[in-house]
Structures are given as C-alpha cells and as structure tokens.
Amino acid sequence: MVRLGVTGGIGSGKSVVCRLLQMLDVPVYDSDSRAKWLMANSLALRERLCARFGAEIYEGGVLQRRVLAERVFSDAEALAALNAIVHPAVKQDILKWANEINNTTGDNTIPYFVECAILYQAGFDKLCDKVVMIIAPEAVRIE
C-alpha cells in the first residue's frame, strides 16, 4: 500500500486536490476534520483534554472551541500540551483508518492519502512513503 501525505500552506489547494482524489475513489484522510471529530467524540481524548484544560472546555458534552482556543493560542506551552494530547490520537486514528481500508478491500496495493497542513510538525510524515507539497503563489492563497 502506497501511503502519501498531502501538505501545504493555508489556501494552497490541499483540500481541492484531495476532493479531486476522492472523486476518483481514492481514500483520503482529512486530519483536520478527524481531529475535530475525535475531540468531540472520543471519551478518552475528552478526559485528557479536560484534565489539562478544565472541564469547562466542554459544555453539555460539546467542545467549546473558543474557550479552548483562548487557553492555548496565546500560550506556547499550552498549545504544545494540546498538540501532545491530540496528535497521538489522530495518529492512531490514521493507522486504524488505513488498516480498515486494507481489510475492507483485501487489496494492500490501494494508495491512500493523508491530508494535513502540519504533516511534518505532527510527525505524520513518518506514516507516509512520500509527501506531496501543494504550493501556490501568495496572491492566489490570499484570494
């Protein structure tokens, strides 16, 4: 199975490329949306996040993104702690997802893609055989 990472800056076209791949029935793991899903739905992850950032980051069982953002984005140590909690959960989810593809199809030659803006920072590049960097001129990215 060929494992490919897709990364690039904000507005570079990563999501467009991955949507095109999905239209061709190529499996694509969207790490951003899965991380959000895991933070909302994984009880183990919720417990770790609450232990570090306080139970009030979830209200009525719903992650209060704004509250969490206020606690981490002006504090490098808190952001590093958030990443240290979330990234391993996403990594495990990627591995589970890839294994399910292989088990479902019985074909370990099917390539899959992992889309992640912070592929290298999260260490997800180590899960990939190759990495595709999507680039676009700054004017296009801003547009």
N, C-alpha and C. Protein backbone atom coordinates (compact mmCIF):
# COMPACT_ATOMS: atom_id res chain seq x y z
N MET A 1 0.85 -1.17 0.00
CA MET A 1 0.00 0.00 0.00
C MET A 1 0.90 1.23 0.00
N VAL A 2 0.68 2.11 -0.94
CA VAL A 2 1.44 3.35 -1.00
C VAL A 2 0.74 4.39 -0.14
N ARG A 3 1.48 4.95 0.79
CA ARG A 3 0.94 5.94 1.72
C ARG A 3 1.52 7.30 1.36
N LEU A 4 0.65 8.22 1.02
CA LEU A 4 1.08 9.54 0.58
C LEU A 4 0.53 10.62 1.49
N GLY A 5 1.39 11.54 1.86
CA GLY A 5 0.96 12.69 2.65
C GLY A 5 0.73 13.86 1.72
N VAL A 6 -0.25 14.68 2.04
CA VAL A 6 -0.53 15.90 1.28
C VAL A 6 -0.47 17.05 2.28
N THR A 7 0.39 18.03 2.00
CA THR A 7 0.53 19.16 2.90
C THR A 7 0.75 20.43 2.10
N GLY A 8 0.71 21.55 2.76
CA GLY A 8 0.92 22.85 2.12
C GLY A 8 0.34 23.94 2.98
N GLY A 9 0.63 25.16 2.64
CA GLY A 9 0.17 26.30 3.41
C GLY A 9 -1.32 26.54 3.29
N ILE A 10 -1.81 27.44 4.11
CA ILE A 10 -3.22 27.82 4.09
C ILE A 10 -3.56 28.38 2.71
N GLY A 11 -4.64 27.88 2.13
CA GLY A 11 -5.10 28.37 0.84
C GLY A 11 -4.31 27.87 -0.35
N SER A 12 -3.43 26.89 -0.12
CA SER A 12 -2.59 26.41 -1.22
C SER A 12 -3.33 25.47 -2.17
N GLY A 13 -4.41 24.87 -1.72
CA GLY A 13 -5.17 23.98 -2.59
C GLY A 13 -5.16 22.53 -2.14
N LYS A 14 -4.70 22.25 -0.92
CA LYS A 14 -4.67 20.88 -0.41
C LYS A 14 -6.04 20.22 -0.49
N SER A 15 -7.03 20.93 0.02
CA SER A 15 -8.38 20.36 0.07
C SER A 15 -8.95 20.15 -1.32
N VAL A 16 -8.65 21.05 -2.24
CA VAL A 16 -9.13 20.89 -3.63
C VAL A 16 -8.51 19.64 -4.25
N VAL A 17 -7.22 19.48 -4.08
CA VAL A 17 -6.53 18.29 -4.61
C VAL A 17 -7.13 17.03 -4.01
N CYS A 18 -7.36 17.05 -2.71
CA CYS A 18 -7.90 15.87 -2.04
C CYS A 18 -9.34 15.58 -2.44
N ARG A 19 -10.14 16.62 -2.65
CA ARG A 19 -11.51 16.39 -3.14
C ARG A 19 -11.49 15.74 -4.52
N LEU A 20 -10.57 16.17 -5.36
CA LEU A 20 -10.44 15.56 -6.70
C LEU A 20 -10.04 14.09 -6.57
N LEU A 21 -9.13 13.80 -5.66
CA LEU A 21 -8.74 12.40 -5.43
C LEU A 21 -9.93 11.58 -4.96
N GLN A 22 -10.71 12.13 -4.04
CA GLN A 22 -11.89 11.42 -3.53
C GLN A 22 -12.91 11.17 -4.64
N MET A 23 -13.01 12.13 -5.58
CA MET A 23 -13.92 11.93 -6.72
C MET A 23 -13.47 10.75 -7.58
N LEU A 24 -12.20 10.43 -7.50
CA LEU A 24 -11.65 9.28 -8.23
C LEU A 24 -11.64 8.03 -7.36
N ASP A 25 -12.36 8.08 -6.25
CA ASP A 25 -12.47 6.98 -5.29
C ASP A 25 -11.15 6.61 -4.63
N VAL A 26 -10.26 7.58 -4.50
CA VAL A 26 -9.01 7.36 -3.77
C VAL A 26 -9.27 7.72 -2.31
N PRO A 27 -8.92 6.84 -1.39
CA PRO A 27 -9.14 7.15 0.03
C PRO A 27 -8.26 8.32 0.49
N VAL A 28 -8.89 9.28 1.17
CA VAL A 28 -8.18 10.45 1.70
C VAL A 28 -8.60 10.64 3.15
N TYR A 29 -7.61 10.73 4.01
CA TYR A 29 -7.84 11.00 5.42
C TYR A 29 -7.65 12.50 5.64
N ASP A 30 -8.68 13.19 6.08
CA ASP A 30 -8.62 14.62 6.35
C ASP A 30 -8.33 14.79 7.84
N SER A 31 -7.07 15.04 8.15
CA SER A 31 -6.66 15.06 9.56
C SER A 31 -7.32 16.19 10.34
N ASP A 32 -7.58 17.32 9.72
CA ASP A 32 -8.21 18.43 10.42
C ASP A 32 -9.63 18.07 10.86
N SER A 33 -10.42 17.57 9.94
CA SER A 33 -11.81 17.25 10.30
C SER A 33 -11.86 16.06 11.25
N ARG A 34 -10.95 15.10 11.09
CA ARG A 34 -10.94 13.95 12.00
C ARG A 34 -10.49 14.36 13.39
N ALA A 35 -9.53 15.28 13.49
CA ALA A 35 -9.10 15.75 14.81
C ALA A 35 -10.28 16.42 15.52
N LYS A 36 -11.02 17.23 14.79
CA LYS A 36 -12.20 17.88 15.37
C LYS A 36 -13.23 16.83 15.81
N TRP A 37 -13.43 15.82 14.97
CA TRP A 37 -14.38 14.76 15.30
C TRP A 37 -13.93 14.01 16.55
N LEU A 38 -12.65 13.67 16.60
CA LEU A 38 -12.13 12.94 17.75
C LEU A 38 -12.26 13.76 19.03
N MET A 39 -11.98 15.05 18.95
CA MET A 39 -12.08 15.91 20.12
C MET A 39 -13.53 16.01 20.60
N ALA A 40 -14.46 15.87 19.70
CA ALA A 40 -15.88 15.94 20.04
C ALA A 40 -16.44 14.60 20.49
N ASN A 41 -15.87 13.50 20.00
CA ASN A 41 -16.49 12.19 20.19
C ASN A 41 -15.70 11.15 20.97
N SER A 42 -14.42 11.32 21.12
CA SER A 42 -13.61 10.33 21.84
C SER A 42 -13.64 10.65 23.34
N LEU A 43 -14.20 9.75 24.12
CA LEU A 43 -14.29 9.96 25.56
C LEU A 43 -12.89 10.02 26.18
N ALA A 44 -11.99 9.14 25.73
CA ALA A 44 -10.63 9.14 26.27
C ALA A 44 -9.93 10.47 25.99
N LEU A 45 -10.09 10.97 24.79
CA LEU A 45 -9.47 12.25 24.43
C LEU A 45 -10.11 13.39 25.22
N ARG A 46 -11.42 13.35 25.36
CA ARG A 46 -12.13 14.38 26.13
C ARG A 46 -11.62 14.42 27.57
N GLU A 47 -11.44 13.25 28.15
CA GLU A 47 -10.96 13.19 29.54
C GLU A 47 -9.57 13.80 29.67
N ARG A 48 -8.69 13.52 28.73
CA ARG A 48 -7.33 14.07 28.77
C ARG A 48 -7.36 15.59 28.57
N LEU A 49 -8.20 16.05 27.65
CA LEU A 49 -8.30 17.49 27.41
C LEU A 49 -8.86 18.21 28.63
N CYS A 50 -9.89 17.64 29.24
CA CYS A 50 -10.47 18.26 30.45
C CYS A 50 -9.48 18.26 31.60
N ALA A 51 -8.71 17.19 31.74
CA ALA A 51 -7.72 17.13 32.81
C ALA A 51 -6.68 18.23 32.66
N ARG A 52 -6.33 18.54 31.43
CA ARG A 52 -5.29 19.56 31.20
C ARG A 52 -5.84 20.97 31.13
N PHE A 53 -7.02 21.14 30.51
CA PHE A 53 -7.52 22.49 30.22
C PHE A 53 -8.78 22.87 31.00
N GLY A 54 -9.32 21.95 31.78
CA GLY A 54 -10.50 22.24 32.58
C GLY A 54 -11.78 21.72 31.94
N ALA A 55 -12.69 21.26 32.77
CA ALA A 55 -13.94 20.67 32.30
C ALA A 55 -14.81 21.66 31.53
N GLU A 56 -14.60 22.96 31.76
CA GLU A 56 -15.44 23.95 31.10
C GLU A 56 -15.15 24.09 29.61
N ILE A 57 -14.15 23.38 29.09
CA ILE A 57 -13.94 23.43 27.64
C ILE A 57 -15.01 22.60 26.93
N TYR A 58 -15.75 21.80 27.70
CA TYR A 58 -16.91 21.08 27.17
C TYR A 58 -18.13 21.57 27.93
N GLU A 59 -19.14 21.98 27.21
CA GLU A 59 -20.38 22.41 27.83
C GLU A 59 -21.51 21.57 27.24
N GLY A 60 -22.21 20.87 28.11
CA GLY A 60 -23.26 19.99 27.62
C GLY A 60 -22.73 18.91 26.69
N GLY A 61 -21.50 18.51 26.93
CA GLY A 61 -20.88 17.48 26.10
C GLY A 61 -20.32 17.99 24.78
N VAL A 62 -20.39 19.29 24.56
CA VAL A 62 -19.94 19.88 23.30
C VAL A 62 -18.65 20.68 23.55
N LEU A 63 -17.64 20.41 22.74
CA LEU A 63 -16.38 21.13 22.86
C LEU A 63 -16.61 22.61 22.57
N GLN A 64 -16.17 23.43 23.47
CA GLN A 64 -16.25 24.88 23.31
C GLN A 64 -14.93 25.35 22.71
N ARG A 65 -14.86 25.34 21.40
CA ARG A 65 -13.63 25.65 20.68
C ARG A 65 -13.06 27.02 21.06
N ARG A 66 -13.93 27.98 21.22
CA ARG A 66 -13.46 29.33 21.55
C ARG A 66 -12.78 29.34 22.92
N VAL A 67 -13.34 28.64 23.88
CA VAL A 67 -12.75 28.58 25.22
C VAL A 67 -11.38 27.91 25.15
N LEU A 68 -11.31 26.80 24.44
CA LEU A 68 -10.04 26.10 24.30
C LEU A 68 -9.03 26.99 23.57
N ALA A 69 -9.46 27.62 22.51
CA ALA A 69 -8.56 28.49 21.74
C ALA A 69 -8.00 29.61 22.60
N GLU A 70 -8.84 30.19 23.44
CA GLU A 70 -8.37 31.27 24.33
C GLU A 70 -7.29 30.79 25.28
N ARG A 71 -7.34 29.51 25.62
CA ARG A 71 -6.36 28.97 26.57
C ARG A 71 -5.05 28.55 25.91
N VAL A 72 -5.08 28.28 24.62
CA VAL A 72 -3.86 27.73 24.02
C VAL A 72 -3.14 28.63 23.04
N PHE A 73 -3.84 29.46 22.32
CA PHE A 73 -3.18 30.14 21.21
C PHE A 73 -2.35 31.35 21.61
N SER A 74 -2.44 31.78 22.86
CA SER A 74 -1.54 32.84 23.33
C SER A 74 -0.50 32.28 24.29
N ASP A 75 -0.49 30.96 24.43
CA ASP A 75 0.40 30.30 25.38
C ASP A 75 1.08 29.12 24.68
N ALA A 76 2.33 29.29 24.32
CA ALA A 76 3.05 28.26 23.56
C ALA A 76 3.10 26.93 24.30
N GLU A 77 3.25 26.97 25.62
CA GLU A 77 3.30 25.74 26.40
C GLU A 77 1.95 25.01 26.36
N ALA A 78 0.87 25.77 26.47
CA ALA A 78 -0.47 25.17 26.42
C ALA A 78 -0.75 24.60 25.04
N LEU A 79 -0.33 25.30 23.98
CA LEU A 79 -0.51 24.80 22.62
C LEU A 79 0.27 23.50 22.43
N ALA A 80 1.48 23.46 22.94
CA ALA A 80 2.29 22.24 22.84
C ALA A 80 1.61 21.10 23.59
N ALA A 81 1.01 21.40 24.75
CA ALA A 81 0.29 20.37 25.51
C ALA A 81 -0.92 19.86 24.74
N LEU A 82 -1.66 20.79 24.11
CA LEU A 82 -2.81 20.38 23.29
C LEU A 82 -2.36 19.46 22.17
N ASN A 83 -1.31 19.85 21.47
CA ASN A 83 -0.79 19.02 20.37
C ASN A 83 -0.31 17.67 20.87
N ALA A 84 0.31 17.64 22.05
CA ALA A 84 0.81 16.38 22.61
C ALA A 84 -0.33 15.44 22.99
N ILE A 85 -1.51 15.99 23.22
CA ILE A 85 -2.68 15.17 23.52
C ILE A 85 -3.38 14.74 22.24
N VAL A 86 -3.59 15.68 21.32
CA VAL A 86 -4.40 15.41 20.14
C VAL A 86 -3.63 14.64 19.05
N HIS A 87 -2.40 15.00 18.79
CA HIS A 87 -1.66 14.36 17.69
C HIS A 87 -1.54 12.84 17.83
N PRO A 88 -1.22 12.29 19.01
CA PRO A 88 -1.18 10.83 19.11
C PRO A 88 -2.54 10.17 18.83
N ALA A 89 -3.62 10.83 19.24
CA ALA A 89 -4.95 10.28 18.97
C ALA A 89 -5.24 10.27 17.48
N VAL A 90 -4.85 11.32 16.80
CA VAL A 90 -5.04 11.38 15.34
C VAL A 90 -4.17 10.34 14.66
N LYS A 91 -2.94 10.19 15.12
CA LYS A 91 -2.05 9.18 14.53
C LYS A 91 -2.66 7.79 14.64
N GLN A 92 -3.18 7.46 15.81
CA GLN A 92 -3.84 6.15 15.99
C GLN A 92 -5.05 6.02 15.08
N ASP A 93 -5.78 7.10 14.90
CA ASP A 93 -6.95 7.09 14.03
C ASP A 93 -6.54 6.87 12.57
N ILE A 94 -5.45 7.49 12.16
CA ILE A 94 -4.94 7.29 10.80
C ILE A 94 -4.59 5.82 10.59
N LEU A 95 -3.87 5.24 11.54
CA LEU A 95 -3.46 3.83 11.42
C LEU A 95 -4.67 2.90 11.38
N LYS A 96 -5.66 3.19 12.21
CA LYS A 96 -6.89 2.39 12.23
C LYS A 96 -7.61 2.51 10.89
N TRP A 97 -7.73 3.73 10.38
CA TRP A 97 -8.40 4.00 9.11
C TRP A 97 -7.69 3.26 7.97
N ALA A 98 -6.37 3.34 7.93
CA ALA A 98 -5.60 2.67 6.87
C ALA A 98 -5.77 1.17 6.96
N ASN A 99 -5.78 0.63 8.16
CA ASN A 99 -5.98 -0.80 8.34
C ASN A 99 -7.36 -1.23 7.88
N GLU A 100 -8.37 -0.40 8.14
CA GLU A 100 -9.73 -0.71 7.70
C GLU A 100 -9.83 -0.72 6.18
N ILE A 101 -9.13 0.20 5.53
CA ILE A 101 -9.11 0.21 4.06
C ILE A 101 -8.55 -1.10 3.54
N ASN A 102 -7.45 -1.51 4.11
CA ASN A 102 -6.81 -2.75 3.68
C ASN A 102 -7.70 -3.95 3.96
N ASN A 103 -8.32 -4.00 5.14
CA ASN A 103 -9.18 -5.13 5.50
C ASN A 103 -10.47 -5.16 4.69
N THR A 104 -11.02 -3.99 4.40
CA THR A 104 -12.27 -3.91 3.65
C THR A 104 -12.08 -4.35 2.21
N THR A 105 -11.01 -3.88 1.61
CA THR A 105 -10.79 -4.16 0.19
C THR A 105 -10.03 -5.45 -0.03
N GLY A 106 -9.24 -5.85 0.97
CA GLY A 106 -8.38 -7.02 0.79
C GLY A 106 -7.26 -6.75 -0.20
N ASP A 107 -7.10 -5.50 -0.55
CA ASP A 107 -6.11 -5.11 -1.56
C ASP A 107 -5.13 -4.12 -0.92
N ASN A 108 -3.94 -4.61 -0.61
CA ASN A 108 -2.99 -3.72 0.03
C ASN A 108 -2.18 -2.90 -0.97
N THR A 109 -2.63 -2.87 -2.23
CA THR A 109 -1.94 -2.05 -3.24
C THR A 109 -2.66 -0.72 -3.46
N ILE A 110 -3.81 -0.54 -2.80
CA ILE A 110 -4.57 0.70 -2.96
C ILE A 110 -3.81 1.83 -2.27
N PRO A 111 -3.49 2.89 -3.00
CA PRO A 111 -2.83 4.03 -2.35
C PRO A 111 -3.84 4.81 -1.51
N TYR A 112 -3.33 5.44 -0.48
CA TYR A 112 -4.19 6.36 0.27
C TYR A 112 -3.41 7.62 0.58
N PHE A 113 -4.15 8.67 0.87
CA PHE A 113 -3.56 9.98 1.13
C PHE A 113 -3.95 10.45 2.52
N VAL A 114 -3.02 11.11 3.17
CA VAL A 114 -3.28 11.75 4.46
C VAL A 114 -3.08 13.24 4.25
N GLU A 115 -4.17 14.00 4.35
CA GLU A 115 -4.10 15.45 4.20
C GLU A 115 -3.88 16.09 5.57
N CYS A 116 -2.84 16.91 5.66
CA CYS A 116 -2.54 17.55 6.94
C CYS A 116 -1.68 18.78 6.71
N ALA A 117 -2.16 19.93 7.15
CA ALA A 117 -1.40 21.17 6.98
C ALA A 117 -0.11 21.14 7.78
N ILE A 118 -0.11 20.43 8.90
CA ILE A 118 1.07 20.36 9.76
C ILE A 118 1.64 18.94 9.78
N LEU A 119 1.69 18.34 8.63
CA LEU A 119 2.12 16.94 8.49
C LEU A 119 3.47 16.69 9.17
N TYR A 120 4.44 17.53 8.90
CA TYR A 120 5.77 17.35 9.48
C TYR A 120 5.78 17.67 10.97
N GLN A 121 5.14 18.75 11.37
CA GLN A 121 5.12 19.15 12.77
C GLN A 121 4.45 18.10 13.65
N ALA A 122 3.42 17.45 13.10
CA ALA A 122 2.70 16.42 13.86
C ALA A 122 3.39 15.06 13.81
N GLY A 123 4.38 14.93 12.93
CA GLY A 123 5.08 13.66 12.78
C GLY A 123 4.36 12.66 11.90
N PHE A 124 3.29 13.10 11.24
CA PHE A 124 2.52 12.19 10.40
C PHE A 124 3.26 11.82 9.11
N ASP A 125 4.28 12.60 8.76
CA ASP A 125 5.08 12.26 7.58
C ASP A 125 5.73 10.89 7.73
N LYS A 126 5.96 10.47 8.97
CA LYS A 126 6.58 9.17 9.23
C LYS A 126 5.63 8.01 8.90
N LEU A 127 4.34 8.33 8.73
CA LEU A 127 3.35 7.33 8.35
C LEU A 127 3.24 7.21 6.83
N CYS A 128 3.97 8.05 6.12
CA CYS A 128 3.84 8.15 4.67
C CYS A 128 5.11 7.70 3.96
N ASP A 129 4.91 7.12 2.78
CA ASP A 129 6.06 6.74 1.94
C ASP A 129 6.61 7.96 1.21
N LYS A 130 5.72 8.83 0.80
CA LYS A 130 6.08 10.05 0.08
C LYS A 130 5.17 11.17 0.56
N VAL A 131 5.64 12.41 0.36
CA VAL A 131 4.84 13.57 0.72
C VAL A 131 4.71 14.46 -0.51
N VAL A 132 3.48 14.90 -0.76
CA VAL A 132 3.20 15.83 -1.84
C VAL A 132 2.97 17.20 -1.21
N MET A 133 3.77 18.17 -1.60
CA MET A 133 3.62 19.54 -1.09
C MET A 133 2.85 20.35 -2.12
N ILE A 134 1.70 20.87 -1.72
CA ILE A 134 0.89 21.69 -2.60
C ILE A 134 1.31 23.15 -2.36
N ILE A 135 1.69 23.82 -3.44
CA ILE A 135 2.11 25.21 -3.30
C ILE A 135 1.32 26.08 -4.25
N ALA A 136 1.19 27.32 -3.88
CA ALA A 136 0.51 28.31 -4.70
C ALA A 136 1.12 29.66 -4.38
N PRO A 137 1.14 30.56 -5.35
CA PRO A 137 1.65 31.90 -5.07
C PRO A 137 0.83 32.57 -3.98
N GLU A 138 1.46 33.45 -3.24
CA GLU A 138 0.80 34.12 -2.12
C GLU A 138 -0.49 34.83 -2.55
N ALA A 139 -0.46 35.47 -3.71
CA ALA A 139 -1.65 36.19 -4.20
C ALA A 139 -2.82 35.23 -4.39
N VAL A 140 -2.55 34.05 -4.88
CA VAL A 140 -3.60 33.04 -5.09
C VAL A 140 -4.10 32.55 -3.74
N ARG A 141 -3.18 32.32 -2.80
CA ARG A 141 -3.58 31.84 -1.48
C ARG A 141 -4.43 32.87 -0.75
N ILE A 142 -4.11 34.12 -0.88
CA ILE A 142 -4.89 35.18 -0.24
C ILE A 142 -6.28 35.29 -0.88
N GLU A 143 -6.31 35.16 -2.19
CA GLU A 143 -7.57 35.23 -2.91
C GLU A 143 -8.49 34.12 -2.48
